[in-house]
Amino acid sequence: MKVPAVSRNLAPAGLIGVASVVNVAAGIVLKEAGRASSAGLVVAGLGLAGILGIGQFLLWSRAHRLYPLSLTYPLTGLTFPIALLVAVLYQEPVRAVHVLATVLVSLGVIVVHKSQDPLQKPDA
């Protein structure tokens, strides 16, 4: 069965996108655990961050098994816009240089992603 080109191109980005969201979620949990006033909340936060870390590892393992590393690794840049949004939600200082750098990285991710067929095996 032939996979439509649109589905082939979105699949790795979707998988890495979910891994990026899980990565940022683990960062949020760790940030909140650091703010916690009770040891129980800190331990719970660390446990949840560990579970999210395992989930991220499983997502990455699947992505690297299915697609070439030259495609999947640049897609880690999907984390930057998500992290920038979280910084805004936390009312942390976000300067124009942060936005510009995030846009440039995102454009690079798009260029790399569009330049490859994700199901094409790399040359041996």
Protein backbone atom coordinates (compact mmCIF):
# COMPACT_ATOMS: atom_id res chain seq x y z
CA MET A 1 0.00 0.00 0.00
CA LYS A 2 1.42 3.37 -1.02
CA VAL A 3 1.38 6.04 1.70
CA PRO A 4 0.24 9.48 0.47
CA ALA A 5 3.08 12.02 0.36
CA VAL A 6 1.29 14.36 2.80
CA SER A 7 0.96 11.60 5.41
CA ARG A 8 4.58 10.51 4.92
CA ASN A 9 5.82 14.05 5.46
CA LEU A 10 3.69 14.77 8.53
CA ALA A 11 4.30 11.48 10.35
CA PRO A 12 7.82 12.18 11.64
CA ALA A 13 6.92 15.77 12.53
CA GLY A 14 3.88 14.54 14.45
CA LEU A 15 5.86 11.93 16.36
CA ILE A 16 8.67 14.35 17.19
CA GLY A 17 6.10 17.07 17.93
CA VAL A 18 4.53 14.87 20.60
CA ALA A 19 7.99 14.07 21.98
CA SER A 20 8.73 17.82 22.09
CA VAL A 21 5.52 18.52 24.00
CA VAL A 22 6.39 15.74 26.46
CA ASN A 23 9.89 17.23 26.83
CA VAL A 24 8.52 20.69 27.64
CA ALA A 25 5.90 19.16 29.97
CA ALA A 26 8.69 17.45 31.91
CA GLY A 27 10.47 20.80 32.17
CA ILE A 28 7.31 22.43 33.51
CA VAL A 29 6.89 19.67 36.09
CA LEU A 30 10.50 20.09 37.23
CA LYS A 31 10.06 23.88 37.42
CA GLU A 32 6.96 23.48 39.56
CA ALA A 33 8.59 20.79 41.72
CA GLY A 34 11.40 23.25 42.42
CA ARG A 35 8.83 25.77 43.64
CA ALA A 36 7.02 23.26 45.86
CA SER A 37 7.11 23.88 49.56
CA SER A 38 6.63 20.29 50.70
CA ALA A 39 8.93 17.34 50.18
CA GLY A 40 5.97 15.21 49.07
CA LEU A 41 5.23 17.53 46.16
CA VAL A 42 8.89 17.58 45.16
CA VAL A 43 9.04 13.78 45.13
CA ALA A 44 5.76 13.56 43.20
CA GLY A 45 7.05 16.10 40.69
CA LEU A 46 10.28 14.20 40.21
CA GLY A 47 8.34 10.97 39.75
CA LEU A 48 6.06 12.54 37.14
CA ALA A 49 9.05 14.07 35.35
CA GLY A 50 10.66 10.61 35.30
CA ILE A 51 7.54 9.07 33.77
CA LEU A 52 7.45 11.82 31.15
CA GLY A 53 11.15 11.20 30.47
CA ILE A 54 10.47 7.51 29.84
CA GLY A 55 7.61 8.44 27.51
CA GLN A 56 9.87 10.82 25.63
CA PHE A 57 12.54 8.11 25.34
CA LEU A 58 10.00 5.68 23.87
CA LEU A 59 8.76 8.27 21.36
CA TRP A 60 12.31 9.11 20.30
CA SER A 61 13.21 5.44 20.00
CA ARG A 62 10.28 4.87 17.70
CA ALA A 63 11.08 7.93 15.59
CA HIS A 64 14.73 6.95 15.18
CA ARG A 65 13.76 3.40 14.29
CA LEU A 66 11.31 4.53 11.59
CA TYR A 67 13.05 7.54 10.07
CA PRO A 68 16.61 8.64 9.24
CA LEU A 69 18.46 10.48 11.99
CA SER A 70 19.20 13.28 9.51
CA LEU A 71 15.46 13.97 9.47
CA THR A 72 14.42 13.27 13.05
CA TYR A 73 17.17 15.09 14.92
CA PRO A 74 16.62 18.50 13.29
CA LEU A 75 12.94 18.16 14.23
CA THR A 76 14.00 18.61 17.86
CA GLY A 77 13.83 22.30 16.94
CA LEU A 78 10.06 21.94 17.39
CA THR A 79 10.75 22.24 21.11
CA PHE A 80 11.83 25.89 20.83
CA PRO A 81 8.46 27.47 19.89
CA ILE A 82 6.72 25.37 22.53
CA ALA A 83 9.24 26.43 25.19
CA LEU A 84 8.91 30.08 24.11
CA LEU A 85 5.13 29.86 24.53
CA VAL A 86 5.56 28.36 27.99
CA ALA A 87 7.97 31.17 28.91
CA VAL A 88 5.30 33.69 27.88
CA LEU A 89 2.69 31.83 29.95
CA TYR A 90 5.04 31.96 32.95
CA GLN A 91 5.48 35.69 32.33
CA GLU A 92 9.21 35.25 31.97
CA PRO A 93 11.13 37.86 29.99
CA VAL A 94 11.01 37.12 26.27
CA ARG A 95 12.99 39.51 24.13
CA ALA A 96 12.88 40.11 20.40
CA VAL A 97 16.12 38.15 20.00
CA HIS A 98 14.43 35.07 21.54
CA VAL A 99 11.54 35.34 19.10
CA LEU A 100 13.87 35.92 16.14
CA ALA A 101 16.06 32.94 17.06
CA THR A 102 12.99 30.73 17.49
CA VAL A 103 11.66 31.79 14.08
CA LEU A 104 15.04 31.10 12.45
CA VAL A 105 15.31 27.65 14.04
CA SER A 106 11.72 26.86 13.04
CA LEU A 107 12.41 27.91 9.45
CA GLY A 108 15.47 25.66 9.44
CA VAL A 109 13.38 22.75 10.68
CA ILE A 110 10.86 23.36 7.88
CA VAL A 111 13.59 23.52 5.22
CA VAL A 112 15.25 20.29 6.41
CA HIS A 113 11.92 18.53 6.77
CA LYS A 114 10.69 19.49 3.31
CA SER A 115 13.98 18.52 1.68
CA GLN A 116 13.67 14.81 2.52
CA ASP A 117 11.32 11.94 1.96
CA PRO A 118 10.95 10.53 5.49
CA LEU A 119 10.52 6.95 4.25
CA GLN A 120 13.62 7.03 2.04
CA LYS A 121 16.41 5.01 3.58
CA PRO A 122 19.74 6.83 3.85
CA ASP A 123 22.52 5.75 1.51
CA ALA A 124 24.72 3.07 3.00
